[in-house]
Amino acid sequence: MTKKITISLPDELADEAQASGNASAYIAAALRERRRIQGDLAIMADLWGPGWQDGITDDDSARAARLVTGGDAKADAA
């Protein structure tokens, strides 16, 4: 079942959603990904306790982002 809603987005996000060819599917996928990430974070908090992410540095976050986007693997291996 689907429900039609009206939303307002910042220009750059609206442009990105429209450029996808199917803004509804694009936004639905983004919301599902957010839900998945929140679930994963909850699992990690259950495993390692509250504050587990406090030791993650900006370099760690940048490396993870590069790995997800297919960044420079040689630089990550160093």
C-alpha atoms as a PDB file:
ATOM      1  CA  MET A   1       0.000   0.000   0.000  1.00  0.00           C
ATOM      2  CA  THR A   2       1.226   3.519  -0.697  1.00  0.00           C
ATOM      3  CA  LYS A   3       0.301   6.919   0.650  1.00  0.00           C
ATOM      4  CA  LYS A   4       0.768  10.166  -1.216  1.00  0.00           C
ATOM      5  CA  ILE A   5       2.393  12.964   0.794  1.00  0.00           C
ATOM      6  CA  THR A   6       3.788  16.365  -0.047  1.00  0.00           C
ATOM      7  CA  ILE A   7       7.252  17.274   1.237  1.00  0.00           C
ATOM      8  CA  SER A   8       9.592  20.216   0.943  1.00  0.00           C
ATOM      9  CA  LEU A   9      13.288  19.626   0.365  1.00  0.00           C
ATOM     10  CA  PRO A  10      16.278  21.936   0.066  1.00  0.00           C
ATOM     11  CA  ASP A  11      16.952  22.729  -3.594  1.00  0.00           C
ATOM     12  CA  GLU A  12      20.015  20.483  -3.945  1.00  0.00           C
ATOM     13  CA  LEU A  13      18.190  17.486  -2.460  1.00  0.00           C
ATOM     14  CA  ALA A  14      15.082  18.111  -4.558  1.00  0.00           C
ATOM     15  CA  ASP A  15      17.256  18.315  -7.682  1.00  0.00           C
ATOM     16  CA  GLU A  16      18.975  15.045  -6.771  1.00  0.00           C
ATOM     17  CA  ALA A  17      15.659  13.268  -6.153  1.00  0.00           C
ATOM     18  CA  GLN A  18      14.173  14.545  -9.401  1.00  0.00           C
ATOM     19  CA  ALA A  19      17.294  13.627 -11.370  1.00  0.00           C
ATOM     20  CA  SER A  20      16.884  10.025 -10.224  1.00  0.00           C
ATOM     21  CA  GLY A  21      13.924   9.650 -12.577  1.00  0.00           C
ATOM     22  CA  ASN A  22      11.611   8.432  -9.823  1.00  0.00           C
ATOM     23  CA  ALA A  23      11.685  10.769  -6.837  1.00  0.00           C
ATOM     24  CA  SER A  24       9.269   8.637  -4.816  1.00  0.00           C
ATOM     25  CA  ALA A  25      11.378   5.490  -5.180  1.00  0.00           C
ATOM     26  CA  TYR A  26      14.569   7.471  -4.495  1.00  0.00           C
ATOM     27  CA  ILE A  27      13.207   8.923  -1.256  1.00  0.00           C
ATOM     28  CA  ALA A  28      11.731   5.569  -0.184  1.00  0.00           C
ATOM     29  CA  ALA A  29      15.139   3.932  -0.693  1.00  0.00           C
ATOM     30  CA  ALA A  30      16.829   6.680   1.332  1.00  0.00           C
ATOM     31  CA  LEU A  31      14.364   6.219   4.197  1.00  0.00           C
ATOM     32  CA  ARG A  32      14.827   2.437   4.130  1.00  0.00           C
ATOM     33  CA  GLU A  33      18.616   2.898   4.201  1.00  0.00           C
ATOM     34  CA  ARG A  34      18.299   5.249   7.172  1.00  0.00           C
ATOM     35  CA  ARG A  35      16.129   2.669   8.970  1.00  0.00           C
ATOM     36  CA  ARG A  36      18.719  -0.052   8.226  1.00  0.00           C
ATOM     37  CA  ILE A  37      21.559   2.110   9.542  1.00  0.00           C
ATOM     38  CA  GLN A  38      19.638   2.943  12.715  1.00  0.00           C
ATOM     39  CA  GLY A  39      19.003  -0.764  13.249  1.00  0.00           C
ATOM     40  CA  ASP A  40      22.693  -1.546  12.743  1.00  0.00           C
ATOM     41  CA  LEU A  41      23.674   1.177  15.221  1.00  0.00           C
ATOM     42  CA  ALA A  42      21.227  -0.238  17.769  1.00  0.00           C
ATOM     43  CA  ILE A  43      22.764  -3.704  17.330  1.00  0.00           C
ATOM     44  CA  MET A  44      26.260  -2.300  17.902  1.00  0.00           C
ATOM     45  CA  ALA A  45      25.076  -0.448  21.025  1.00  0.00           C
ATOM     46  CA  ASP A  46      23.596  -3.722  22.306  1.00  0.00           C
ATOM     47  CA  LEU A  47      26.885  -5.547  21.638  1.00  0.00           C
ATOM     48  CA  TRP A  48      29.350  -2.950  22.879  1.00  0.00           C
ATOM     49  CA  GLY A  49      27.258  -0.727  25.134  1.00  0.00           C
ATOM     50  CA  PRO A  50      26.391   2.940  25.023  1.00  0.00           C
ATOM     51  CA  GLY A  51      29.131   5.244  23.812  1.00  0.00           C
ATOM     52  CA  TRP A  52      30.805   2.563  21.671  1.00  0.00           C
ATOM     53  CA  GLN A  53      31.247   5.081  18.842  1.00  0.00           C
ATOM     54  CA  ASP A  54      33.079   7.645  21.004  1.00  0.00           C
ATOM     55  CA  GLY A  55      36.459   6.212  19.974  1.00  0.00           C
ATOM     56  CA  ILE A  56      35.815   6.589  16.230  1.00  0.00           C
ATOM     57  CA  THR A  57      38.017   9.319  14.781  1.00  0.00           C
ATOM     58  CA  ASP A  58      37.317  11.568  11.805  1.00  0.00           C
ATOM     59  CA  ASP A  59      39.985   9.588   9.917  1.00  0.00           C
ATOM     60  CA  ASP A  60      38.092   6.366  10.674  1.00  0.00           C
ATOM     61  CA  SER A  61      34.857   7.891   9.379  1.00  0.00           C
ATOM     62  CA  ALA A  62      36.552   9.186   6.228  1.00  0.00           C
ATOM     63  CA  ARG A  63      38.103   5.764   5.562  1.00  0.00           C
ATOM     64  CA  ALA A  64      34.737   4.059   5.987  1.00  0.00           C
ATOM     65  CA  ALA A  65      33.139   6.537   3.572  1.00  0.00           C
ATOM     66  CA  ARG A  66      35.873   5.843   1.003  1.00  0.00           C
ATOM     67  CA  LEU A  67      35.356   2.099   1.373  1.00  0.00           C
ATOM     68  CA  VAL A  68      31.602   2.464   0.814  1.00  0.00           C
ATOM     69  CA  THR A  69      32.060   4.684  -2.240  1.00  0.00           C
ATOM     70  CA  GLY A  70      34.951   2.712  -3.723  1.00  0.00           C
ATOM     71  CA  GLY A  71      37.653   5.211  -2.844  1.00  0.00           C
ATOM     72  CA  ASP A  72      41.408   4.669  -3.117  1.00  0.00           C
ATOM     73  CA  ALA A  73      42.043   1.177  -1.693  1.00  0.00           C
ATOM     74  CA  LYS A  74      45.846   1.662  -1.734  1.00  0.00           C
ATOM     75  CA  ALA A  75      45.573   4.721   0.507  1.00  0.00           C
ATOM     76  CA  ASP A  76      43.300   2.797   2.868  1.00  0.00           C
ATOM     77  CA  ALA A  77      45.781  -0.104   3.099  1.00  0.00           C
ATOM     78  CA  ALA A  78      48.581   2.212   4.245  1.00  0.00           C
END
